[in-house]
Amino acid sequence: MPAPVPRPFPSGLRPVTLDEGERIVRVHRTSNGPIWFGPAPGVLPANRFDAPAGEYRTLYAAHRLTGGFVETILRKNRRILTRAFVEQFQWTVLRVERPLTLAKLYDEGLAWHGTTNDICAGDNYAEPRALARDLYLSFPDLDGIAYRARHNNGEICFALFDRVAPSDLVPVDTRLFGHERRRTRKLVADHGGVWDKSPPLIDPPAAP
């Protein structure tokens, strides 16, 4: 199958830069390392700006903890949370070791790149993935995308292409949600979430 021809961007690239030394936040499962570009080889794309056909892999992060929390833990408007679920996650602060150039997919950057806010808020991921692939193919020096969080559009998030080397991101602090319960309760309450207080299911006793 021939390689896809990216759509044209008549206005070129509208960039925003993450400067060297800037810090971003990645929310991730405790079972995964903080610097991980997905999906894993052979796994289909699952997230908004993943490559449609494996053209690149993607690391998701946010400017602040709040953005990472809503994009990862409150994903798809998950409102009822169990502590067991939330405590599978932690957050890591990453220091950026070189300037990163990102396509600005918010504010005036939406019209600039020929799209609308649906690219960041819609349920259908086909168009965001196609746009991300076209940006990746059209701008060889592009390191990723900056966009607004779906469930809190005051928060800026990042989808970094694997052009960003692991050495370009240095972990400087890691916290477990299970060890930061006061902050976690506030994040949940601020977004209208509630804790599931039903008792955990217990397996029935084995038949004699």
N, C-alpha and C. Protein backbone atom coordinates (compact mmCIF):
# COMPACT_ATOMS: atom_id res chain seq x y z
N MET A 1 0.85 -1.19 0.00
CA MET A 1 0.00 0.00 0.00
C MET A 1 0.89 1.25 0.00
N PRO A 2 0.62 2.23 -0.89
CA PRO A 2 1.46 3.43 -0.93
C PRO A 2 1.31 4.24 0.35
N ALA A 3 2.36 4.99 0.68
CA ALA A 3 2.33 5.83 1.88
C ALA A 3 1.28 6.92 1.71
N PRO A 4 0.58 7.30 2.78
CA PRO A 4 -0.44 8.35 2.66
C PRO A 4 0.18 9.69 2.31
N VAL A 5 -0.55 10.47 1.50
CA VAL A 5 -0.13 11.82 1.17
C VAL A 5 -0.76 12.76 2.18
N PRO A 6 0.04 13.48 2.97
CA PRO A 6 -0.56 14.35 3.99
C PRO A 6 -1.34 15.49 3.37
N ARG A 7 -2.36 15.93 4.08
CA ARG A 7 -3.14 17.08 3.63
C ARG A 7 -2.22 18.31 3.60
N PRO A 8 -2.55 19.28 2.77
CA PRO A 8 -1.74 20.51 2.76
C PRO A 8 -2.06 21.39 3.96
N PHE A 9 -1.09 22.14 4.39
CA PHE A 9 -1.27 23.15 5.44
C PHE A 9 -0.87 24.49 4.82
N PRO A 10 -1.82 25.18 4.17
CA PRO A 10 -1.48 26.39 3.39
C PRO A 10 -0.80 27.47 4.22
N SER A 11 -1.14 27.56 5.51
CA SER A 11 -0.54 28.59 6.36
C SER A 11 0.74 28.12 7.01
N GLY A 12 1.14 26.89 6.76
CA GLY A 12 2.32 26.34 7.40
C GLY A 12 2.02 25.88 8.82
N LEU A 13 3.02 25.92 9.65
CA LEU A 13 2.90 25.44 11.03
C LEU A 13 2.72 26.61 11.98
N ARG A 14 1.76 26.49 12.90
CA ARG A 14 1.62 27.44 14.00
C ARG A 14 2.22 26.76 15.23
N PRO A 15 3.46 27.11 15.60
CA PRO A 15 4.11 26.35 16.67
C PRO A 15 3.96 27.00 18.04
N VAL A 16 4.11 26.18 19.04
CA VAL A 16 4.31 26.62 20.41
C VAL A 16 5.50 25.81 20.92
N THR A 17 6.30 26.39 21.81
CA THR A 17 7.55 25.75 22.21
C THR A 17 7.54 25.41 23.69
N LEU A 18 7.97 24.20 24.01
CA LEU A 18 8.35 23.85 25.37
C LEU A 18 9.83 24.12 25.50
N ASP A 19 10.19 25.05 26.36
CA ASP A 19 11.58 25.47 26.47
C ASP A 19 12.43 24.48 27.25
N GLU A 20 13.71 24.49 26.99
CA GLU A 20 14.64 23.70 27.78
C GLU A 20 14.51 24.08 29.26
N GLY A 21 14.41 23.09 30.12
CA GLY A 21 14.26 23.32 31.55
C GLY A 21 12.81 23.38 32.01
N GLU A 22 11.88 23.51 31.08
CA GLU A 22 10.46 23.53 31.46
C GLU A 22 10.05 22.16 31.99
N ARG A 23 9.04 22.16 32.86
CA ARG A 23 8.60 20.91 33.46
C ARG A 23 7.17 20.59 33.05
N ILE A 24 6.95 19.33 32.72
CA ILE A 24 5.63 18.85 32.35
C ILE A 24 5.30 17.66 33.25
N VAL A 25 4.05 17.25 33.24
CA VAL A 25 3.59 16.21 34.16
C VAL A 25 2.99 15.06 33.36
N ARG A 26 3.44 13.88 33.70
CA ARG A 26 2.88 12.67 33.07
C ARG A 26 2.18 11.83 34.13
N VAL A 27 0.90 11.52 33.92
CA VAL A 27 0.15 10.60 34.77
C VAL A 27 0.19 9.24 34.10
N HIS A 28 0.61 8.23 34.83
CA HIS A 28 0.79 6.91 34.22
C HIS A 28 0.58 5.83 35.27
N ARG A 29 0.36 4.63 34.79
CA ARG A 29 0.19 3.49 35.71
C ARG A 29 1.49 3.22 36.45
N THR A 30 1.34 2.76 37.68
CA THR A 30 2.52 2.45 38.48
C THR A 30 3.32 1.31 37.87
N SER A 31 2.68 0.50 37.04
CA SER A 31 3.36 -0.63 36.41
C SER A 31 4.20 -0.21 35.21
N ASN A 32 4.05 1.04 34.76
CA ASN A 32 4.79 1.54 33.59
C ASN A 32 5.80 2.60 34.03
N GLY A 33 6.88 2.70 33.31
CA GLY A 33 7.82 3.78 33.55
C GLY A 33 7.24 5.10 33.08
N PRO A 34 7.78 6.22 33.56
CA PRO A 34 7.23 7.52 33.19
C PRO A 34 7.49 7.92 31.75
N ILE A 35 8.55 7.39 31.14
CA ILE A 35 8.86 7.76 29.76
C ILE A 35 8.54 6.56 28.88
N TRP A 36 7.38 6.61 28.28
CA TRP A 36 6.88 5.48 27.49
C TRP A 36 6.07 6.02 26.32
N PHE A 37 6.44 5.60 25.13
CA PHE A 37 5.76 5.99 23.90
C PHE A 37 4.93 4.80 23.42
N GLY A 38 3.64 5.02 23.25
CA GLY A 38 2.77 3.93 22.87
C GLY A 38 2.08 4.17 21.53
N PRO A 39 1.32 3.18 21.09
CA PRO A 39 1.10 1.90 21.76
C PRO A 39 2.31 0.97 21.60
N ALA A 40 2.27 -0.13 22.34
CA ALA A 40 3.33 -1.13 22.22
C ALA A 40 3.32 -1.71 20.80
N PRO A 41 4.45 -2.18 20.31
CA PRO A 41 4.49 -2.77 18.97
C PRO A 41 3.44 -3.86 18.80
N GLY A 42 2.72 -3.78 17.69
CA GLY A 42 1.69 -4.76 17.39
C GLY A 42 0.34 -4.47 18.00
N VAL A 43 0.23 -3.42 18.82
CA VAL A 43 -1.03 -3.05 19.46
C VAL A 43 -1.69 -1.93 18.67
N LEU A 44 -2.99 -2.00 18.49
CA LEU A 44 -3.72 -0.99 17.73
C LEU A 44 -3.73 0.34 18.47
N PRO A 45 -3.86 1.46 17.76
CA PRO A 45 -3.93 2.76 18.42
C PRO A 45 -5.15 2.84 19.32
N ALA A 46 -4.99 3.50 20.48
CA ALA A 46 -6.09 3.60 21.44
C ALA A 46 -6.39 5.04 21.84
N ASN A 47 -5.41 5.93 21.73
CA ASN A 47 -5.57 7.29 22.23
C ASN A 47 -5.74 8.29 21.09
N ARG A 48 -6.10 9.51 21.45
CA ARG A 48 -6.59 10.50 20.49
C ARG A 48 -5.61 10.78 19.35
N PHE A 49 -4.35 10.99 19.65
CA PHE A 49 -3.39 11.39 18.62
C PHE A 49 -2.41 10.28 18.26
N ASP A 50 -2.76 9.03 18.57
CA ASP A 50 -1.92 7.91 18.16
C ASP A 50 -1.85 7.82 16.64
N ALA A 51 -0.75 7.28 16.14
CA ALA A 51 -0.59 7.11 14.70
C ALA A 51 -1.61 6.10 14.17
N PRO A 52 -2.30 6.42 13.08
CA PRO A 52 -3.30 5.48 12.56
C PRO A 52 -2.72 4.14 12.13
N ALA A 53 -1.49 4.14 11.60
CA ALA A 53 -0.90 2.90 11.08
C ALA A 53 0.54 2.73 11.56
N GLY A 54 0.82 3.18 12.77
CA GLY A 54 2.12 2.95 13.37
C GLY A 54 3.24 3.82 12.83
N GLU A 55 2.89 4.99 12.24
CA GLU A 55 3.93 5.86 11.69
C GLU A 55 4.86 6.40 12.77
N TYR A 56 4.40 6.48 13.98
CA TYR A 56 5.18 6.97 15.12
C TYR A 56 4.51 6.44 16.38
N ARG A 57 5.16 6.64 17.50
CA ARG A 57 4.57 6.32 18.81
C ARG A 57 4.48 7.61 19.62
N THR A 58 3.65 7.62 20.65
CA THR A 58 3.27 8.87 21.31
C THR A 58 3.37 8.76 22.82
N LEU A 59 3.90 9.81 23.44
CA LEU A 59 3.89 9.97 24.89
C LEU A 59 2.96 11.13 25.23
N TYR A 60 2.03 10.90 26.17
CA TYR A 60 1.06 11.92 26.57
C TYR A 60 1.46 12.52 27.92
N ALA A 61 1.38 13.84 28.01
CA ALA A 61 1.71 14.54 29.24
C ALA A 61 0.85 15.80 29.30
N ALA A 62 1.08 16.63 30.31
CA ALA A 62 0.30 17.85 30.48
C ALA A 62 1.17 18.92 31.11
N HIS A 63 0.70 20.15 31.00
CA HIS A 63 1.44 21.26 31.60
C HIS A 63 1.37 21.20 33.12
N ARG A 64 0.22 20.73 33.65
CA ARG A 64 0.04 20.65 35.10
C ARG A 64 -0.57 19.30 35.46
N LEU A 65 -0.51 18.96 36.74
CA LEU A 65 -1.09 17.71 37.21
C LEU A 65 -2.57 17.62 36.87
N THR A 66 -3.30 18.73 37.01
CA THR A 66 -4.73 18.70 36.74
C THR A 66 -5.02 18.21 35.34
N GLY A 67 -4.28 18.70 34.35
CA GLY A 67 -4.51 18.27 32.97
C GLY A 67 -4.24 16.80 32.78
N GLY A 68 -3.14 16.31 33.36
CA GLY A 68 -2.85 14.89 33.26
C GLY A 68 -3.91 14.03 33.93
N PHE A 69 -4.43 14.51 35.06
CA PHE A 69 -5.45 13.75 35.79
C PHE A 69 -6.73 13.62 34.98
N VAL A 70 -7.22 14.74 34.43
CA VAL A 70 -8.49 14.65 33.71
C VAL A 70 -8.34 13.87 32.41
N GLU A 71 -7.18 13.97 31.75
CA GLU A 71 -7.01 13.25 30.49
C GLU A 71 -6.80 11.75 30.70
N THR A 72 -6.26 11.36 31.83
CA THR A 72 -5.93 9.95 32.04
C THR A 72 -6.93 9.25 32.93
N ILE A 73 -7.25 9.84 34.07
CA ILE A 73 -8.09 9.15 35.06
C ILE A 73 -9.57 9.47 34.86
N LEU A 74 -9.90 10.70 34.45
CA LEU A 74 -11.30 11.05 34.16
C LEU A 74 -11.61 10.90 32.68
N ARG A 75 -10.80 10.14 31.97
CA ARG A 75 -10.96 9.97 30.53
C ARG A 75 -12.37 9.51 30.19
N LYS A 76 -12.92 10.10 29.11
CA LYS A 76 -14.28 9.80 28.64
C LYS A 76 -15.31 10.04 29.74
N ASN A 77 -15.05 11.09 30.54
CA ASN A 77 -15.98 11.56 31.56
C ASN A 77 -16.29 10.49 32.59
N ARG A 78 -15.26 9.75 32.97
CA ARG A 78 -15.42 8.76 34.05
C ARG A 78 -15.67 9.53 35.34
N ARG A 79 -16.87 9.38 35.93
CA ARG A 79 -17.25 10.20 37.08
C ARG A 79 -17.23 9.45 38.40
N ILE A 80 -17.50 8.13 38.37
CA ILE A 80 -17.53 7.34 39.59
C ILE A 80 -16.22 6.55 39.65
N LEU A 81 -15.44 6.81 40.67
CA LEU A 81 -14.10 6.25 40.75
C LEU A 81 -13.95 5.38 41.98
N THR A 82 -13.18 4.34 41.85
CA THR A 82 -12.81 3.54 43.01
C THR A 82 -11.38 3.89 43.39
N ARG A 83 -11.08 3.80 44.68
CA ARG A 83 -9.71 4.06 45.11
C ARG A 83 -8.75 3.05 44.49
N ALA A 84 -9.22 1.81 44.34
CA ALA A 84 -8.35 0.78 43.76
C ALA A 84 -7.93 1.16 42.35
N PHE A 85 -8.86 1.75 41.57
CA PHE A 85 -8.53 2.17 40.22
C PHE A 85 -7.54 3.33 40.24
N VAL A 86 -7.86 4.38 40.99
CA VAL A 86 -7.02 5.58 40.99
C VAL A 86 -5.61 5.25 41.50
N GLU A 87 -5.54 4.35 42.47
CA GLU A 87 -4.24 4.07 43.07
C GLU A 87 -3.38 3.13 42.23
N GLN A 88 -3.87 2.78 41.03
CA GLN A 88 -3.01 2.12 40.05
C GLN A 88 -2.10 3.13 39.34
N PHE A 89 -2.31 4.44 39.62
CA PHE A 89 -1.62 5.49 38.88
C PHE A 89 -0.69 6.30 39.79
N GLN A 90 0.25 6.94 39.15
CA GLN A 90 1.13 7.90 39.81
C GLN A 90 1.38 9.03 38.84
N TRP A 91 2.02 10.10 39.32
CA TRP A 91 2.42 11.14 38.39
C TRP A 91 3.91 11.41 38.53
N THR A 92 4.51 11.77 37.40
CA THR A 92 5.93 12.06 37.35
C THR A 92 6.14 13.41 36.69
N VAL A 93 6.93 14.26 37.32
CA VAL A 93 7.33 15.53 36.73
C VAL A 93 8.56 15.27 35.86
N LEU A 94 8.49 15.71 34.60
CA LEU A 94 9.57 15.52 33.64
C LEU A 94 10.17 16.87 33.28
N ARG A 95 11.48 16.97 33.32
CA ARG A 95 12.16 18.19 32.88
C ARG A 95 12.55 18.05 31.41
N VAL A 96 12.21 19.05 30.63
CA VAL A 96 12.52 19.05 29.19
C VAL A 96 13.97 19.48 29.00
N GLU A 97 14.74 18.66 28.30
CA GLU A 97 16.18 18.88 28.17
C GLU A 97 16.58 19.61 26.89
N ARG A 98 15.65 19.83 25.98
CA ARG A 98 15.91 20.63 24.79
C ARG A 98 14.60 21.27 24.37
N PRO A 99 14.64 22.37 23.63
CA PRO A 99 13.38 22.97 23.17
C PRO A 99 12.59 21.99 22.30
N LEU A 100 11.31 21.88 22.56
CA LEU A 100 10.43 21.01 21.78
C LEU A 100 9.43 21.87 21.02
N THR A 101 9.31 21.62 19.74
CA THR A 101 8.40 22.37 18.87
C THR A 101 7.11 21.57 18.70
N LEU A 102 5.99 22.19 19.06
CA LEU A 102 4.70 21.51 19.04
C LEU A 102 3.72 22.28 18.16
N ALA A 103 2.85 21.55 17.47
CA ALA A 103 1.76 22.18 16.72
C ALA A 103 0.70 22.66 17.70
N LYS A 104 0.32 23.91 17.58
CA LYS A 104 -0.65 24.51 18.50
C LYS A 104 -2.06 24.19 18.02
N LEU A 105 -2.69 23.21 18.66
CA LEU A 105 -4.07 22.83 18.31
C LEU A 105 -5.03 23.34 19.38
N TYR A 106 -4.95 24.62 19.67
CA TYR A 106 -5.93 25.28 20.53
C TYR A 106 -5.90 26.77 20.17
N ASP A 107 -6.91 27.51 20.65
CA ASP A 107 -7.04 28.94 20.35
C ASP A 107 -6.93 29.16 18.83
N GLU A 108 -6.15 30.15 18.39
CA GLU A 108 -6.09 30.46 16.96
C GLU A 108 -5.42 29.35 16.16
N GLY A 109 -4.71 28.44 16.84
CA GLY A 109 -4.05 27.34 16.14
C GLY A 109 -5.01 26.36 15.51
N LEU A 110 -6.26 26.33 15.97
CA LEU A 110 -7.24 25.43 15.37
C LEU A 110 -7.54 25.85 13.93
N ALA A 111 -7.98 27.09 13.74
CA ALA A 111 -8.26 27.57 12.38
C ALA A 111 -6.99 27.57 11.53
N TRP A 112 -5.86 27.91 12.15
CA TRP A 112 -4.58 27.95 11.42
C TRP A 112 -4.29 26.61 10.75
N HIS A 113 -4.56 25.52 11.46
CA HIS A 113 -4.28 24.19 10.92
C HIS A 113 -5.50 23.55 10.25
N GLY A 114 -6.56 24.35 10.05
CA GLY A 114 -7.71 23.88 9.30
C GLY A 114 -8.59 22.91 10.04
N THR A 115 -8.75 23.12 11.37
CA THR A 115 -9.58 22.20 12.13
C THR A 115 -10.41 22.97 13.15
N THR A 116 -11.16 22.27 13.99
CA THR A 116 -12.00 22.87 15.03
C THR A 116 -11.71 22.18 16.35
N ASN A 117 -12.35 22.66 17.42
CA ASN A 117 -12.12 22.08 18.73
C ASN A 117 -12.62 20.65 18.83
N ASP A 118 -13.40 20.19 17.87
CA ASP A 118 -13.81 18.78 17.87
C ASP A 118 -12.59 17.87 17.85
N ILE A 119 -11.47 18.36 17.31
CA ILE A 119 -10.27 17.54 17.21
C ILE A 119 -9.78 17.13 18.60
N CYS A 120 -10.09 17.96 19.61
CA CYS A 120 -9.65 17.69 20.98
C CYS A 120 -10.77 17.20 21.88
N ALA A 121 -12.02 17.31 21.43
CA ALA A 121 -13.14 17.02 22.32
C ALA A 121 -14.10 15.97 21.79
N GLY A 122 -14.01 15.60 20.52
CA GLY A 122 -14.97 14.65 19.97
C GLY A 122 -14.70 13.21 20.37
N ASP A 123 -15.73 12.38 20.17
CA ASP A 123 -15.62 10.96 20.50
C ASP A 123 -14.92 10.15 19.41
N ASN A 124 -14.97 10.65 18.18
CA ASN A 124 -14.38 9.92 17.06
C ASN A 124 -12.90 10.29 16.95
N TYR A 125 -12.02 9.30 17.12
CA TYR A 125 -10.59 9.56 17.12
C TYR A 125 -9.97 9.46 15.72
N ALA A 126 -10.76 9.11 14.72
CA ALA A 126 -10.18 8.93 13.38
C ALA A 126 -9.59 10.23 12.86
N GLU A 127 -10.30 11.35 12.99
CA GLU A 127 -9.81 12.61 12.46
C GLU A 127 -8.61 13.15 13.24
N PRO A 128 -8.61 13.14 14.59
CA PRO A 128 -7.40 13.58 15.30
C PRO A 128 -6.17 12.76 14.93
N ARG A 129 -6.34 11.46 14.77
CA ARG A 129 -5.20 10.63 14.41
C ARG A 129 -4.70 10.96 13.01
N ALA A 130 -5.64 11.19 12.08
CA ALA A 130 -5.23 11.54 10.72
C ALA A 130 -4.53 12.90 10.69
N LEU A 131 -5.05 13.87 11.45
CA LEU A 131 -4.41 15.19 11.48
C LEU A 131 -3.02 15.10 12.10
N ALA A 132 -2.88 14.35 13.19
CA ALA A 132 -1.57 14.19 13.83
C ALA A 132 -0.58 13.54 12.87
N ARG A 133 -1.02 12.51 12.15
CA ARG A 133 -0.14 11.87 11.17
C ARG A 133 0.27 12.85 10.09
N ASP A 134 -0.67 13.66 9.60
CA ASP A 134 -0.36 14.61 8.53
C ASP A 134 0.62 15.68 9.01
N LEU A 135 0.45 16.15 10.24
CA LEU A 135 1.41 17.10 10.80
C LEU A 135 2.79 16.46 10.93
N TYR A 136 2.81 15.22 11.41
CA TYR A 136 4.07 14.50 11.56
C TYR A 136 4.80 14.35 10.23
N LEU A 137 4.07 14.00 9.18
CA LEU A 137 4.69 13.79 7.87
C LEU A 137 5.07 15.11 7.20
N SER A 138 4.31 16.16 7.45
CA SER A 138 4.54 17.44 6.76
C SER A 138 5.66 18.26 7.37
N PHE A 139 5.92 18.07 8.66
CA PHE A 139 6.90 18.91 9.35
C PHE A 139 7.90 18.00 10.06
N PRO A 140 9.01 17.66 9.40
CA PRO A 140 9.96 16.68 9.93
C PRO A 140 10.61 17.07 11.24
N ASP A 141 10.60 18.36 11.59
CA ASP A 141 11.20 18.79 12.85
C ASP A 141 10.17 18.94 13.97
N LEU A 142 8.93 18.58 13.69
CA LEU A 142 7.86 18.73 14.69
C LEU A 142 7.97 17.64 15.76
N ASP A 143 7.94 18.05 17.02
CA ASP A 143 8.09 17.10 18.13
C ASP A 143 6.76 16.61 18.70
N GLY A 144 5.65 17.23 18.33
CA GLY A 144 4.37 16.77 18.87
C GLY A 144 3.30 17.83 18.74
N ILE A 145 2.28 17.69 19.59
CA ILE A 145 1.07 18.50 19.52
C ILE A 145 0.77 19.04 20.91
N ALA A 146 0.31 20.29 20.98
CA ALA A 146 -0.22 20.87 22.22
C ALA A 146 -1.72 21.09 22.01
N TYR A 147 -2.53 20.69 22.97
CA TYR A 147 -3.99 20.74 22.82
C TYR A 147 -4.63 20.93 24.18
N ARG A 148 -5.92 21.25 24.20
CA ARG A 148 -6.64 21.45 25.46
C ARG A 148 -7.27 20.13 25.91
N ALA A 149 -7.26 19.91 27.22
CA ALA A 149 -7.86 18.70 27.78
C ALA A 149 -9.36 18.69 27.50
N ARG A 150 -9.86 17.54 27.19
CA ARG A 150 -11.27 17.41 26.80
C ARG A 150 -12.22 17.81 27.92
N HIS A 151 -11.94 17.39 29.15
CA HIS A 151 -12.88 17.60 30.24
C HIS A 151 -12.52 18.78 31.13
N ASN A 152 -11.50 19.53 30.75
CA ASN A 152 -11.15 20.77 31.44
C ASN A 152 -10.34 21.60 30.45
N ASN A 153 -11.04 22.44 29.69
CA ASN A 153 -10.35 23.09 28.58
C ASN A 153 -9.48 24.27 29.02
N GLY A 154 -9.32 24.45 30.33
CA GLY A 154 -8.32 25.38 30.82
C GLY A 154 -6.94 24.75 30.93
N GLU A 155 -6.85 23.44 30.70
CA GLU A 155 -5.59 22.71 30.85
C GLU A 155 -4.99 22.36 29.49
N ILE A 156 -3.68 22.59 29.36
CA ILE A 156 -2.97 22.28 28.13
C ILE A 156 -2.25 20.94 28.29
N CYS A 157 -2.43 20.10 27.29
CA CYS A 157 -1.82 18.77 27.29
C CYS A 157 -0.91 18.63 26.06
N PHE A 158 -0.12 17.58 26.08
CA PHE A 158 0.87 17.38 25.02
C PHE A 158 0.85 15.93 24.55
N ALA A 159 0.92 15.76 23.24
CA ALA A 159 1.15 14.45 22.64
C ALA A 159 2.50 14.54 21.93
N LEU A 160 3.51 13.90 22.50
CA LEU A 160 4.87 13.99 21.98
C LEU A 160 5.18 12.79 21.09
N PHE A 161 5.66 13.06 19.89
CA PHE A 161 6.05 12.00 18.98
C PHE A 161 7.38 11.38 19.45
N ASP A 162 7.64 10.16 18.99
CA ASP A 162 8.89 9.51 19.41
C ASP A 162 10.12 10.06 18.70
N ARG A 163 9.98 11.19 18.01
CA ARG A 163 11.15 11.98 17.63
C ARG A 163 11.84 12.55 18.88
N VAL A 164 11.07 12.67 19.94
CA VAL A 164 11.63 13.09 21.23
C VAL A 164 12.33 11.88 21.83
N ALA A 165 13.61 11.98 22.03
CA ALA A 165 14.37 10.86 22.60
C ALA A 165 14.09 10.75 24.10
N PRO A 166 14.16 9.54 24.65
CA PRO A 166 14.00 9.40 26.11
C PRO A 166 14.94 10.30 26.90
N SER A 167 16.13 10.55 26.37
CA SER A 167 17.08 11.41 27.08
C SER A 167 16.67 12.88 27.05
N ASP A 168 15.67 13.24 26.23
CA ASP A 168 15.18 14.62 26.19
C ASP A 168 14.23 14.93 27.33
N LEU A 169 13.84 13.91 28.10
CA LEU A 169 12.91 14.07 29.21
C LEU A 169 13.51 13.41 30.44
N VAL A 170 13.71 14.17 31.50
CA VAL A 170 14.35 13.64 32.70
C VAL A 170 13.36 13.67 33.87
N PRO A 171 13.04 12.52 34.47
CA PRO A 171 12.16 12.51 35.64
C PRO A 171 12.84 13.22 36.82
N VAL A 172 12.09 14.14 37.45
CA VAL A 172 12.66 14.86 38.59
C VAL A 172 11.83 14.67 39.87
N ASP A 173 10.62 14.14 39.75
CA ASP A 173 9.81 13.89 40.95
C ASP A 173 8.70 12.92 40.58
N THR A 174 8.40 12.00 41.47
CA THR A 174 7.32 11.03 41.26
C THR A 174 6.49 10.93 42.53
N ARG A 175 5.16 10.92 42.38
CA ARG A 175 4.25 10.79 43.52
C ARG A 175 3.18 9.75 43.19
N LEU A 176 2.84 8.96 44.19
CA LEU A 176 1.75 7.99 44.06
C LEU A 176 0.44 8.65 44.48
N PHE A 177 -0.61 8.45 43.70
CA PHE A 177 -1.91 8.98 44.11
C PHE A 177 -2.33 8.38 45.46
N GLY A 178 -1.95 7.13 45.69
CA GLY A 178 -2.30 6.49 46.95
C GLY A 178 -1.62 7.11 48.15
N HIS A 179 -0.52 7.84 47.92
CA HIS A 179 0.19 8.51 49.01
C HIS A 179 -0.16 9.99 49.10
N GLU A 180 -0.97 10.48 48.16
CA GLU A 180 -1.34 11.90 48.11
C GLU A 180 -2.86 12.00 48.11
N ARG A 181 -3.48 11.44 49.13
CA ARG A 181 -4.94 11.31 49.12
C ARG A 181 -5.66 12.65 49.21
N ARG A 182 -5.10 13.60 49.96
CA ARG A 182 -5.77 14.90 50.06
C ARG A 182 -5.81 15.58 48.70
N ARG A 183 -4.68 15.60 48.01
CA ARG A 183 -4.65 16.22 46.69
C ARG A 183 -5.54 15.45 45.71
N THR A 184 -5.53 14.13 45.81
CA THR A 184 -6.36 13.32 44.92
C THR A 184 -7.84 13.59 45.16
N ARG A 185 -8.25 13.68 46.42
CA ARG A 185 -9.66 13.99 46.73
C ARG A 185 -10.06 15.33 46.11
N LYS A 186 -9.18 16.30 46.18
CA LYS A 186 -9.50 17.62 45.62
C LYS A 186 -9.63 17.56 44.10
N LEU A 187 -8.74 16.85 43.44
CA LEU A 187 -8.83 16.72 41.98
C LEU A 187 -10.16 16.08 41.57
N VAL A 188 -10.56 15.05 42.31
CA VAL A 188 -11.83 14.39 42.00
C VAL A 188 -13.00 15.34 42.26
N ALA A 189 -13.01 15.99 43.44
CA ALA A 189 -14.13 16.87 43.79
C ALA A 189 -14.23 18.07 42.85
N ASP A 190 -13.09 18.64 42.46
CA ASP A 190 -13.10 19.81 41.58
C ASP A 190 -13.74 19.52 40.22
N HIS A 191 -13.77 18.25 39.83
CA HIS A 191 -14.33 17.90 38.52
C HIS A 191 -15.65 17.13 38.64
N GLY A 192 -16.28 17.21 39.81
CA GLY A 192 -17.60 16.60 39.98
C GLY A 192 -17.58 15.11 40.10
N GLY A 193 -16.42 14.53 40.36
CA GLY A 193 -16.34 13.08 40.52
C GLY A 193 -16.76 12.65 41.92
N VAL A 194 -17.09 11.40 42.04
CA VAL A 194 -17.46 10.84 43.34
C VAL A 194 -16.76 9.50 43.50
N TRP A 195 -16.57 9.13 44.76
CA TRP A 195 -15.97 7.84 45.07
C TRP A 195 -17.03 6.77 45.17
N ASP A 196 -16.78 5.64 44.58
CA ASP A 196 -17.67 4.48 44.70
C ASP A 196 -17.47 3.87 46.08
N LYS A 197 -18.53 3.93 46.91
CA LYS A 197 -18.41 3.45 48.28
C LYS A 197 -18.99 2.05 48.47
N SER A 198 -19.37 1.42 47.37
CA SER A 198 -19.90 0.06 47.49
C SER A 198 -18.77 -0.88 47.88
N PRO A 199 -19.08 -1.91 48.68
CA PRO A 199 -18.02 -2.84 49.11
C PRO A 199 -17.50 -3.63 47.92
N PRO A 200 -16.24 -4.02 47.95
CA PRO A 200 -15.69 -4.81 46.85
C PRO A 200 -16.37 -6.17 46.76
N LEU A 201 -16.45 -6.69 45.56
CA LEU A 201 -17.03 -8.00 45.36
C LEU A 201 -16.13 -9.08 45.98
N ILE A 202 -16.74 -10.06 46.58
CA ILE A 202 -16.01 -11.16 47.20
C ILE A 202 -16.34 -12.43 46.44
N ASP A 203 -15.33 -13.16 46.05
CA ASP A 203 -15.57 -14.40 45.33
C ASP A 203 -16.32 -15.37 46.23
N PRO A 204 -17.31 -16.09 45.68
CA PRO A 204 -18.04 -17.07 46.48
C PRO A 204 -17.11 -18.21 46.89
N PRO A 205 -17.41 -18.84 47.99
CA PRO A 205 -16.57 -19.96 48.42
C PRO A 205 -16.61 -21.10 47.40
N ALA A 206 -15.52 -21.80 47.28
CA ALA A 206 -15.46 -22.91 46.33
C ALA A 206 -16.43 -24.01 46.76
N ALA A 207 -17.03 -24.65 45.77
CA ALA A 207 -17.95 -25.74 46.06
C ALA A 207 -17.19 -26.90 46.69
N PRO A 208 -17.81 -27.56 47.67
CA PRO A 208 -17.14 -28.71 48.29
C PRO A 208 -16.97 -29.84 47.29
